Amino acid sequence: MSTDVPDAGAPSAYTAARPDRLSAGTIARYATGSVGTGGFATLPGLVLTYYLTDSLGVAALAAGAVITTAKIWDVVIDPVIGALTDRDLARHGTRRRLMLIGACSIPVLFALTFAVPPALGAVVGAIWVLIAFLLTATAFSLFQVPYIALPAELTPGYDERTRLLTWRVVVLTFSILLFGAGGPALRGVTGDPTTGYLIMGVVSGVVIAGGMLVATTVARRPVTATGAPLPAPALAAPARVPIREHYAAGIRSLRRSAPFRALLSTFVLQALATGLMLAGAQYVATWVMHSEDAVQLLFIALIAPALFAAPGWGLVSRRLGKERTFAIAGAVFAVAALTIVFALWVPGEWIYAPVAVAGIAYAGMQALPMAMLPDVISHDEVASGPGQAGAFSGVWTAGETIGFALGASVLTIILALTGYVSSTAGASVTQPDAAISGIVISFSVVPAALIGLSLLTLSRYRLRRADIDGAALLR
């Protein structure tokens, strides 16, 4: 495998001459799936911890345990779903079946997560949320695991994958803005937190499902290097295997692919950092900026720049390579996050400025690793054969889930250690100064440090454009 960086001034002659350019319709339909993935990733991460601590009266550590437990379950099932979607591909030539099941079941389950009757009390409320959110996460994984596997099968081109995933991230960032600002707005429509959360859950669940259903229409048989469907013999159905073999397949993908290990480690650390900031945004709005509604402006500051930045990161990556551009995006995000620590001494609306810079970087931190994952998969296929993208995407989704889950968990630990006071809906409390400091640090210093660690793991990623174009020629 070559580790040298080729001349990055232009795409290779092989890439430039490819006849299998994806149609605008395929890209649009695939990208629409990120309305669902962005909504599910954003809204629970933004409001669920706050819903537990400040509406249901659940203690901070208990709230963190609820979310983490549901996410651990998600991690457990993702490799199994990955193996099942590979089996579907082998038998039926498409990954659509599980995607449809997840998309059709998530609206009801998502709404139930935010439908706890307050009279049940904190303990029963926490159990309710745990069960409902666990089922919702399962439905999401049924869609997300095969969805992530699709780019490696839709096109073998290095730059074409960047084009596909760039537009996915444009829709993703729009979705984050839609749910990050619109979700809290829906919550406040009735003036009553209980019915407000329910309306938010119902409407958001329907929108999430709609985006997912559109994306299922692009699930089809993988293509060869010329853009033709992969022959059926190459996708022979595997024999039935025990569940433990599904986990073994994911472990094998990690063992045999050093690029996958490096990319996954980087992405998990960055998911932890962004998950921590996402979970902390509502607390920053309420207790640092003294306005519960300021969370909507924080999201506008974060996502509005990202909507325009995602295509720009794609253009930069064509010249510098995905891995170098990814490192630049991470460094910019870390510096912007660290700047927010000054809110300890000078809180105010100036926080929106570094959040906007972080938003520009966030677009690159989403688009580039998503475009690099199909490269890793196709590079592995040269030695291991096609039809194993589900194993990679199952481990990838599990890693992303771990990162976001631990982000919320780290926040609740910091809140507990600094003396944060939980409350029920409508109750008035005063937070100690230590808790306010903990909120700021969890939104600035800790995420910046995690991004710094992720750049170290990214430095071990060795795939370059020549490796991917060469792998496509061998398929």
Protein backbone atom coordinates (compact mmCIF):
# COMPACT_ATOMS: atom_id res chain seq x y z
CA MET A 1 0.00 0.00 0.00
CA SER A 2 1.44 3.37 -0.94
CA THR A 3 1.71 5.93 1.79
CA ASP A 4 3.13 8.74 -0.32
CA VAL A 5 0.98 11.78 -0.98
CA PRO A 6 0.39 12.18 -4.73
CA ASP A 7 0.28 15.50 -6.48
CA ALA A 8 -2.90 16.98 -4.98
CA GLY A 9 -3.25 19.76 -7.54
CA ALA A 10 -6.02 17.94 -9.41
CA PRO A 11 -7.90 14.62 -9.38
CA SER A 12 -6.07 11.69 -10.97
CA ALA A 13 -6.54 10.95 -14.68
CA TYR A 14 -8.39 7.80 -13.68
CA THR A 15 -10.84 9.75 -11.55
CA ALA A 16 -11.31 12.50 -14.13
CA ALA A 17 -12.18 9.98 -16.83
CA ARG A 18 -14.71 7.99 -14.81
CA PRO A 19 -18.08 7.46 -16.52
CA ASP A 20 -20.02 6.62 -13.36
CA ARG A 21 -20.70 10.09 -11.99
CA LEU A 22 -23.63 10.00 -9.58
CA SER A 23 -26.79 11.73 -10.71
CA ALA A 24 -28.06 14.77 -8.86
CA GLY A 25 -31.20 12.84 -7.97
CA THR A 26 -29.25 10.02 -6.33
CA ILE A 27 -27.19 12.47 -4.32
CA ALA A 28 -30.29 14.42 -3.28
CA ARG A 29 -32.19 11.33 -2.16
CA TYR A 30 -29.24 9.93 -0.24
CA ALA A 31 -28.56 13.29 1.40
CA THR A 32 -32.21 13.59 2.47
CA GLY A 33 -31.63 10.69 4.84
CA SER A 34 -29.57 13.07 6.94
CA VAL A 35 -32.74 14.92 7.84
CA GLY A 36 -33.45 11.82 9.90
CA THR A 37 -29.96 11.11 11.16
CA GLY A 38 -29.32 14.76 12.01
CA GLY A 39 -32.64 15.05 13.82
CA PHE A 40 -32.09 11.95 15.93
CA ALA A 41 -28.51 12.89 16.76
CA THR A 42 -29.35 16.50 17.59
CA LEU A 43 -32.60 16.69 19.49
CA PRO A 44 -32.07 13.95 22.11
CA GLY A 45 -28.49 15.10 22.57
CA LEU A 46 -29.66 18.67 23.05
CA VAL A 47 -32.72 18.32 25.26
CA LEU A 48 -32.97 14.80 26.69
CA THR A 49 -30.55 15.28 29.59
CA TYR A 50 -32.14 18.66 30.32
CA TYR A 51 -35.62 17.08 30.06
CA LEU A 52 -34.65 14.52 32.70
CA THR A 53 -32.94 16.91 35.13
CA ASP A 54 -35.08 20.03 34.75
CA SER A 55 -38.52 18.68 33.84
CA LEU A 56 -38.76 15.25 35.46
CA GLY A 57 -36.55 16.04 38.47
CA VAL A 58 -34.08 13.21 37.81
CA ALA A 59 -30.67 13.66 39.47
CA ALA A 60 -27.82 14.50 37.07
CA LEU A 61 -25.92 11.23 37.53
CA ALA A 62 -29.12 9.20 37.17
CA ALA A 63 -29.98 11.11 33.98
CA GLY A 64 -26.54 10.31 32.60
CA ALA A 65 -27.00 6.65 33.51
CA VAL A 66 -30.32 6.51 31.64
CA ILE A 67 -28.85 7.88 28.42
CA THR A 68 -25.64 5.89 28.67
CA THR A 69 -27.50 2.61 29.26
CA ALA A 70 -29.62 3.12 26.16
CA LYS A 71 -26.52 3.96 24.15
CA ILE A 72 -24.66 0.89 25.41
CA TRP A 73 -27.53 -1.20 24.09
CA ASP A 74 -27.13 0.60 20.79
CA VAL A 75 -23.45 -0.33 20.73
CA VAL A 76 -24.31 -3.97 21.44
CA ILE A 77 -26.77 -4.30 18.55
CA ASP A 78 -24.96 -2.26 15.86
CA PRO A 79 -22.50 -5.03 14.84
CA VAL A 80 -25.40 -7.50 14.63
CA ILE A 81 -27.36 -5.10 12.44
CA GLY A 82 -24.25 -4.66 10.30
CA ALA A 83 -24.04 -8.42 9.72
CA LEU A 84 -27.80 -8.65 9.04
CA THR A 85 -27.66 -5.89 6.45
CA ASP A 86 -24.72 -7.62 4.74
CA ARG A 87 -26.87 -10.77 4.64
CA ASP A 88 -29.78 -8.80 3.13
CA LEU A 89 -27.45 -7.44 0.48
CA ALA A 90 -26.21 -10.92 -0.36
CA ARG A 91 -29.69 -12.43 -0.57
CA HIS A 92 -31.70 -9.61 -2.12
CA GLY A 93 -29.12 -7.28 -3.67
CA THR A 94 -30.20 -4.35 -1.46
CA ARG A 95 -29.95 -3.13 2.14
CA ARG A 96 -33.41 -1.55 2.03
CA ARG A 97 -35.37 -3.93 4.31
CA LEU A 98 -33.85 -2.91 7.65
CA MET A 99 -33.82 0.75 6.62
CA LEU A 100 -37.58 0.62 6.06
CA ILE A 101 -38.25 -1.11 9.39
CA GLY A 102 -36.29 1.55 11.26
CA ALA A 103 -37.86 4.46 9.40
CA CYS A 104 -41.42 3.24 9.90
CA SER A 105 -41.09 2.51 13.62
CA ILE A 106 -39.17 5.55 14.82
CA PRO A 107 -41.98 8.20 14.85
CA VAL A 108 -44.05 6.51 17.57
CA LEU A 109 -41.02 5.55 19.65
CA PHE A 110 -39.48 9.02 19.43
CA ALA A 111 -42.72 10.65 20.56
CA LEU A 112 -43.05 8.22 23.50
CA THR A 113 -39.61 9.24 24.77
CA PHE A 114 -40.94 12.73 25.51
CA ALA A 115 -44.44 11.68 26.64
CA VAL A 116 -43.82 10.95 30.34
CA PRO A 117 -46.78 12.00 32.55
CA PRO A 118 -45.19 14.19 35.28
CA ALA A 119 -47.41 12.65 37.95
CA LEU A 120 -45.44 9.39 37.69
CA GLY A 121 -42.48 10.90 39.54
CA ALA A 122 -38.75 10.95 38.86
CA VAL A 123 -38.02 7.23 39.25
CA VAL A 124 -40.81 5.95 36.99
CA GLY A 125 -40.16 8.81 34.59
CA ALA A 126 -36.51 7.81 34.28
CA ILE A 127 -37.46 4.18 33.62
CA TRP A 128 -40.02 5.27 31.02
CA VAL A 129 -37.45 7.39 29.19
CA LEU A 130 -34.88 4.59 29.37
CA ILE A 131 -37.18 2.00 27.75
CA ALA A 132 -38.60 4.36 25.14
CA PHE A 133 -35.22 5.79 24.19
CA LEU A 134 -33.69 2.30 24.04
CA LEU A 135 -36.35 1.23 21.53
CA THR A 136 -35.95 4.48 19.59
CA ALA A 137 -32.19 3.96 19.37
CA THR A 138 -32.79 0.44 18.07
CA ALA A 139 -35.06 1.74 15.31
CA PHE A 140 -32.49 4.38 14.43
CA SER A 141 -29.70 1.80 14.16
CA LEU A 142 -31.80 -0.35 11.83
CA PHE A 143 -31.73 2.59 9.44
CA GLN A 144 -28.35 4.15 10.17
CA VAL A 145 -26.06 1.13 9.88
CA PRO A 146 -27.07 0.22 6.29
CA TYR A 147 -27.32 3.93 5.42
CA ILE A 148 -23.67 4.48 6.30
CA ALA A 149 -22.67 1.41 4.27
CA LEU A 150 -24.25 2.72 1.05
CA PRO A 151 -21.62 5.27 -0.17
CA ALA A 152 -18.96 2.57 -0.61
CA GLU A 153 -21.41 0.74 -2.89
CA LEU A 154 -22.93 3.67 -4.75
CA THR A 155 -19.62 4.79 -6.29
CA PRO A 156 -15.98 3.65 -6.17
CA GLY A 157 -14.52 7.11 -6.97
CA TYR A 158 -12.37 8.96 -4.39
CA ASP A 159 -13.66 12.43 -5.29
CA GLU A 160 -17.17 11.26 -6.16
CA ARG A 161 -17.57 9.98 -2.63
CA THR A 162 -16.48 13.37 -1.33
CA ARG A 163 -19.11 14.97 -3.56
CA LEU A 164 -21.80 12.58 -2.29
CA LEU A 165 -20.91 13.00 1.37
CA THR A 166 -20.43 16.77 1.09
CA TRP A 167 -24.04 17.22 0.07
CA ARG A 168 -25.11 14.80 2.75
CA VAL A 169 -23.39 17.05 5.29
CA VAL A 170 -25.07 20.14 3.82
CA VAL A 171 -28.42 18.48 4.53
CA LEU A 172 -27.12 17.24 7.89
CA THR A 173 -26.15 20.73 9.00
CA PHE A 174 -29.51 22.07 7.83
CA SER A 175 -31.16 19.29 9.81
CA ILE A 176 -29.18 20.17 12.93
CA LEU A 177 -30.30 23.77 12.53
CA LEU A 178 -33.89 22.71 11.92
CA PHE A 179 -34.08 20.48 14.98
CA GLY A 180 -31.69 22.43 17.19
CA ALA A 181 -33.65 25.66 16.79
CA GLY A 182 -37.07 24.28 15.84
CA GLY A 183 -37.24 21.60 18.54
CA PRO A 184 -36.98 24.02 21.47
CA ALA A 185 -39.35 26.38 19.64
CA LEU A 186 -41.96 23.61 19.40
CA ARG A 187 -41.39 22.85 23.07
CA GLY A 188 -42.43 26.39 23.94
CA VAL A 189 -45.53 26.57 21.73
CA THR A 190 -48.04 25.67 24.43
CA GLY A 191 -46.36 27.39 27.35
CA ASP A 192 -46.62 24.13 29.28
CA PRO A 193 -43.42 21.99 29.38
CA THR A 194 -45.31 18.68 29.52
CA THR A 195 -47.43 19.17 26.40
CA GLY A 196 -44.62 21.13 24.76
CA TYR A 197 -42.20 18.22 24.93
CA LEU A 198 -44.91 15.89 23.61
CA ILE A 199 -45.64 18.10 20.59
CA MET A 200 -41.91 18.38 19.94
CA GLY A 201 -41.57 14.58 20.03
CA VAL A 202 -44.51 13.91 17.71
CA VAL A 203 -43.60 16.47 15.05
CA SER A 204 -39.89 15.68 15.14
CA GLY A 205 -40.51 11.94 14.90
CA VAL A 206 -42.60 12.36 11.75
CA VAL A 207 -39.99 14.59 10.09
CA ILE A 208 -37.18 12.20 11.00
CA ALA A 209 -39.06 9.27 9.48
CA GLY A 210 -39.81 11.22 6.31
CA GLY A 211 -36.14 11.89 5.62
CA MET A 212 -35.25 8.27 6.26
CA LEU A 213 -37.92 6.94 3.92
CA VAL A 214 -36.64 9.07 1.03
CA ALA A 215 -33.11 7.72 1.53
CA THR A 216 -34.25 4.09 1.32
CA THR A 217 -34.93 4.61 -2.40
CA VAL A 218 -31.19 4.74 -3.25
CA ALA A 219 -30.40 1.36 -1.65
CA ARG A 220 -29.44 -0.90 -4.56
CA ARG A 221 -26.87 -3.44 -5.69
CA PRO A 222 -23.23 -2.24 -5.33
CA VAL A 223 -21.30 -1.14 -8.42
CA THR A 224 -17.98 -2.16 -9.94
CA ALA A 225 -15.19 0.26 -10.87
CA THR A 226 -16.97 0.95 -14.18
CA GLY A 227 -20.23 1.80 -12.47
CA ALA A 228 -21.98 -1.44 -13.44
CA PRO A 229 -23.92 -3.48 -10.84
CA LEU A 230 -21.73 -6.02 -9.05
CA PRO A 231 -22.47 -9.53 -10.41
CA ALA A 232 -24.67 -11.71 -8.21
CA PRO A 233 -22.01 -14.46 -7.74
CA ALA A 234 -19.79 -11.92 -5.99
CA LEU A 235 -22.55 -11.46 -3.45
CA ALA A 236 -23.30 -15.08 -2.65
CA ALA A 237 -25.42 -15.40 0.47
CA PRO A 238 -23.38 -16.50 3.49
CA ALA A 239 -24.40 -19.47 5.58
CA ARG A 240 -26.32 -18.74 8.76
CA VAL A 241 -23.91 -17.98 11.58
CA PRO A 242 -24.33 -17.53 15.35
CA ILE A 243 -24.73 -14.03 16.77
CA ARG A 244 -21.22 -14.03 18.21
CA GLU A 245 -19.87 -14.34 14.66
CA HIS A 246 -21.47 -10.98 13.87
CA TYR A 247 -19.33 -9.36 16.57
CA ALA A 248 -16.32 -11.31 15.39
CA ALA A 249 -16.77 -9.86 11.89
CA GLY A 250 -16.63 -6.35 13.30
CA ILE A 251 -13.55 -7.16 15.37
CA ARG A 252 -11.84 -8.65 12.31
CA SER A 253 -12.49 -5.47 10.36
CA LEU A 254 -10.72 -3.50 13.08
CA ARG A 255 -7.81 -5.91 13.27
CA ARG A 256 -7.05 -6.13 9.57
CA SER A 257 -7.53 -2.45 8.66
CA ALA A 258 -5.10 0.00 10.25
CA PRO A 259 -6.72 2.94 8.38
CA PHE A 260 -10.08 1.97 9.86
CA ARG A 261 -8.67 1.89 13.39
CA ALA A 262 -7.09 5.32 12.97
CA LEU A 263 -10.19 6.89 11.40
CA LEU A 264 -12.60 5.33 13.90
CA SER A 265 -10.50 6.42 16.90
CA THR A 266 -10.43 9.97 15.56
CA PHE A 267 -14.15 10.03 14.89
CA VAL A 268 -15.07 8.60 18.31
CA LEU A 269 -12.99 11.22 20.13
CA GLN A 270 -14.56 13.98 18.06
CA ALA A 271 -18.06 12.56 18.63
CA LEU A 272 -17.29 12.65 22.36
CA ALA A 273 -16.25 16.29 22.11
CA THR A 274 -19.22 17.40 20.01
CA GLY A 275 -21.64 15.25 22.04
CA LEU A 276 -20.41 16.95 25.19
CA MET A 277 -20.95 20.40 23.70
CA LEU A 278 -24.34 19.40 22.30
CA ALA A 279 -25.55 18.16 25.66
CA GLY A 280 -24.16 21.25 27.39
CA ALA A 281 -25.64 23.85 25.01
CA GLN A 282 -28.98 24.10 26.84
CA TYR A 283 -27.18 24.51 30.17
CA VAL A 284 -24.97 27.26 28.72
CA ALA A 285 -28.04 29.04 27.39
CA THR A 286 -29.97 28.79 30.68
CA TRP A 287 -27.27 29.36 33.30
CA VAL A 288 -24.47 31.25 31.52
CA MET A 289 -26.44 33.35 29.04
CA HIS A 290 -29.49 33.48 31.37
CA SER A 291 -32.03 32.63 28.67
CA GLU A 292 -33.44 29.18 28.03
CA ASP A 293 -34.34 30.29 24.51
CA ALA A 294 -30.72 31.29 23.75
CA VAL A 295 -30.08 27.68 22.80
CA GLN A 296 -31.83 28.39 19.49
CA LEU A 297 -29.43 31.25 18.74
CA LEU A 298 -26.48 29.05 19.70
CA PHE A 299 -27.60 26.55 17.11
CA ILE A 300 -28.12 29.20 14.47
CA ALA A 301 -24.60 30.48 15.17
CA LEU A 302 -23.23 26.95 14.88
CA ILE A 303 -25.10 25.70 11.83
CA ALA A 304 -25.71 28.72 9.59
CA PRO A 305 -21.97 29.04 8.75
CA ALA A 306 -21.69 25.26 8.37
CA LEU A 307 -24.35 25.24 5.64
CA PHE A 308 -22.04 27.29 3.43
CA ALA A 309 -18.78 25.77 4.65
CA ALA A 310 -19.41 22.12 3.76
CA PRO A 311 -18.92 22.54 -0.02
CA GLY A 312 -15.84 24.64 0.71
CA TRP A 313 -14.24 21.83 2.71
CA GLY A 314 -14.93 19.51 -0.23
CA LEU A 315 -13.08 21.85 -2.60
CA VAL A 316 -10.13 22.15 -0.23
CA SER A 317 -9.91 18.37 0.11
CA ARG A 318 -9.56 18.00 -3.66
CA ARG A 319 -6.29 19.93 -3.44
CA LEU A 320 -4.90 18.92 -0.06
CA GLY A 321 -6.43 15.46 0.38
CA LYS A 322 -9.19 14.48 2.77
CA GLU A 323 -6.92 13.58 5.68
CA ARG A 324 -5.02 16.91 5.69
CA THR A 325 -8.21 18.92 5.34
CA PHE A 326 -9.80 16.90 8.15
CA ALA A 327 -6.88 17.78 10.43
CA ILE A 328 -7.24 21.48 9.62
CA ALA A 329 -10.97 21.39 10.43
CA GLY A 330 -10.29 19.71 13.78
CA ALA A 331 -7.62 22.23 14.74
CA VAL A 332 -9.91 25.17 13.95
CA PHE A 333 -12.72 23.62 16.01
CA ALA A 334 -10.41 23.05 19.00
CA VAL A 335 -9.20 26.66 19.03
CA ALA A 336 -12.75 28.01 18.72
CA ALA A 337 -14.00 25.81 21.57
CA LEU A 338 -11.12 26.74 23.84
CA THR A 339 -11.87 30.44 23.36
CA ILE A 340 -15.26 29.99 25.04
CA VAL A 341 -13.53 29.42 28.40
CA PHE A 342 -13.35 33.20 28.80
CA ALA A 343 -17.08 33.06 29.56
CA LEU A 344 -15.96 32.13 33.07
CA TRP A 345 -15.01 35.77 33.57
CA VAL A 346 -16.91 37.62 30.84
CA PRO A 347 -20.18 35.84 29.97
CA GLY A 348 -22.17 37.38 27.18
CA GLU A 349 -23.37 37.26 23.62
CA TRP A 350 -19.80 37.25 22.27
CA ILE A 351 -19.98 33.46 22.72
CA TYR A 352 -21.89 33.28 19.45
CA ALA A 353 -18.73 34.30 17.51
CA PRO A 354 -16.47 31.35 18.48
CA VAL A 355 -19.48 29.04 18.16
CA ALA A 356 -19.86 30.23 14.55
CA VAL A 357 -16.18 29.51 13.85
CA ALA A 358 -16.65 26.06 15.39
CA GLY A 359 -19.63 25.60 13.07
CA ILE A 360 -17.46 26.22 10.02
CA ALA A 361 -14.99 23.60 11.27
CA TYR A 362 -17.78 21.20 12.25
CA ALA A 363 -18.92 20.98 8.63
CA GLY A 364 -15.51 19.63 7.68
CA MET A 365 -15.36 17.33 10.69
CA GLN A 366 -18.58 15.69 9.49
CA ALA A 367 -18.11 15.59 5.72
CA LEU A 368 -14.51 14.41 5.57
CA PRO A 369 -14.55 11.32 7.82
CA MET A 370 -17.82 10.22 6.21
CA ALA A 371 -16.10 10.49 2.81
CA MET A 372 -13.02 8.67 4.12
CA LEU A 373 -14.95 5.67 5.50
CA PRO A 374 -16.01 4.40 2.02
CA ASP A 375 -12.36 4.71 0.99
CA VAL A 376 -11.36 2.50 3.90
CA ILE A 377 -14.02 -0.05 2.99
CA SER A 378 -13.08 -0.20 -0.70
CA HIS A 379 -9.40 -0.49 0.17
CA ASP A 380 -10.21 -3.46 2.41
CA GLU A 381 -12.29 -5.10 -0.33
CA VAL A 382 -9.17 -5.63 -2.46
CA ALA A 383 -7.94 -8.23 0.03
CA SER A 384 -11.18 -9.37 1.70
CA GLY A 385 -13.76 -9.21 -1.07
CA PRO A 386 -16.98 -7.15 -1.43
CA GLY A 387 -20.18 -7.26 0.58
CA GLN A 388 -18.67 -6.52 4.02
CA ALA A 389 -19.49 -2.83 4.25
CA GLY A 390 -22.15 -3.59 6.87
CA ALA A 391 -19.53 -4.95 9.26
CA PHE A 392 -17.56 -1.71 8.96
CA SER A 393 -20.63 0.53 9.25
CA GLY A 394 -21.87 -1.44 12.27
CA VAL A 395 -18.62 -0.84 14.14
CA TRP A 396 -18.56 2.78 12.93
CA THR A 397 -22.10 3.46 14.16
CA ALA A 398 -21.31 1.79 17.47
CA GLY A 399 -18.23 3.97 17.85
CA GLU A 400 -20.16 7.13 17.04
CA THR A 401 -22.83 6.09 19.54
CA ILE A 402 -20.20 5.51 22.23
CA GLY A 403 -18.77 8.96 21.60
CA PHE A 404 -22.08 10.80 21.84
CA ALA A 405 -23.23 8.72 24.81
CA LEU A 406 -20.04 9.37 26.73
CA GLY A 407 -20.34 13.06 25.88
CA ALA A 408 -23.63 13.26 27.77
CA SER A 409 -22.20 11.07 30.54
CA VAL A 410 -19.12 13.27 30.98
CA LEU A 411 -21.40 16.31 31.22
CA THR A 412 -23.55 14.75 33.94
CA ILE A 413 -20.43 13.73 35.89
CA ILE A 414 -19.11 17.29 35.73
CA LEU A 415 -22.51 18.65 36.77
CA ALA A 416 -22.67 16.24 39.72
CA LEU A 417 -19.12 17.01 40.85
CA THR A 418 -19.74 20.74 40.72
CA GLY A 419 -23.02 20.57 42.67
CA TYR A 420 -25.62 21.14 39.95
CA VAL A 421 -29.17 21.32 41.40
CA SER A 422 -31.86 19.38 39.49
CA SER A 423 -35.48 20.53 39.47
CA THR A 424 -38.96 19.74 38.21
CA ALA A 425 -40.80 21.72 35.52
CA GLY A 426 -41.70 25.23 36.66
CA ALA A 427 -39.57 25.13 39.82
CA SER A 428 -37.08 27.95 40.47
CA VAL A 429 -33.58 27.08 41.68
CA THR A 430 -30.23 28.84 42.02
CA GLN A 431 -27.09 27.10 40.83
CA PRO A 432 -23.81 27.38 42.79
CA ASP A 433 -20.88 29.17 41.15
CA ALA A 434 -19.01 25.88 40.86
CA ALA A 435 -21.81 24.41 38.74
CA ILE A 436 -21.73 27.41 36.40
CA SER A 437 -17.96 26.99 36.03
CA GLY A 438 -18.42 23.30 35.33
CA ILE A 439 -20.90 24.09 32.56
CA VAL A 440 -18.46 26.49 30.88
CA ILE A 441 -15.49 24.12 31.15
CA SER A 442 -17.52 21.23 29.74
CA PHE A 443 -18.39 23.46 26.77
CA SER A 444 -14.85 24.67 26.09
CA VAL A 445 -11.71 23.21 27.68
CA VAL A 446 -12.72 19.56 27.75
CA PRO A 447 -13.95 19.43 24.11
CA ALA A 448 -10.82 21.25 22.92
CA ALA A 449 -8.61 18.70 24.71
CA LEU A 450 -10.54 15.80 23.15
CA ILE A 451 -10.14 17.26 19.66
CA GLY A 452 -6.41 17.60 20.32
CA LEU A 453 -6.23 13.89 21.14
CA SER A 454 -8.18 13.07 17.98
CA LEU A 455 -5.59 14.83 15.83
CA LEU A 456 -2.94 12.50 17.24
CA THR A 457 -4.91 9.42 16.17
CA LEU A 458 -5.62 10.99 12.76
CA SER A 459 -1.87 11.30 12.15
CA ARG A 460 -1.79 7.47 11.90
CA TYR A 461 -4.20 7.41 8.94
CA ARG A 462 -2.13 6.49 5.85
CA LEU A 463 -4.54 6.14 2.92
CA ARG A 464 -4.14 8.64 0.08
CA ARG A 465 -5.86 9.27 -3.25
CA ALA A 466 -3.53 6.91 -5.15
CA ASP A 467 -4.38 4.05 -2.80
CA ILE A 468 -8.13 4.48 -3.34
CA ASP A 469 -7.97 4.91 -7.13
CA GLY A 470 -5.72 1.85 -7.29
CA ALA A 471 -8.15 -0.17 -5.19
CA ALA A 472 -11.03 0.83 -7.50
CA LEU A 473 -9.09 -0.44 -10.54
CA LEU A 474 -8.65 -3.83 -8.83
CA ARG A 475 -12.35 -4.31 -8.01
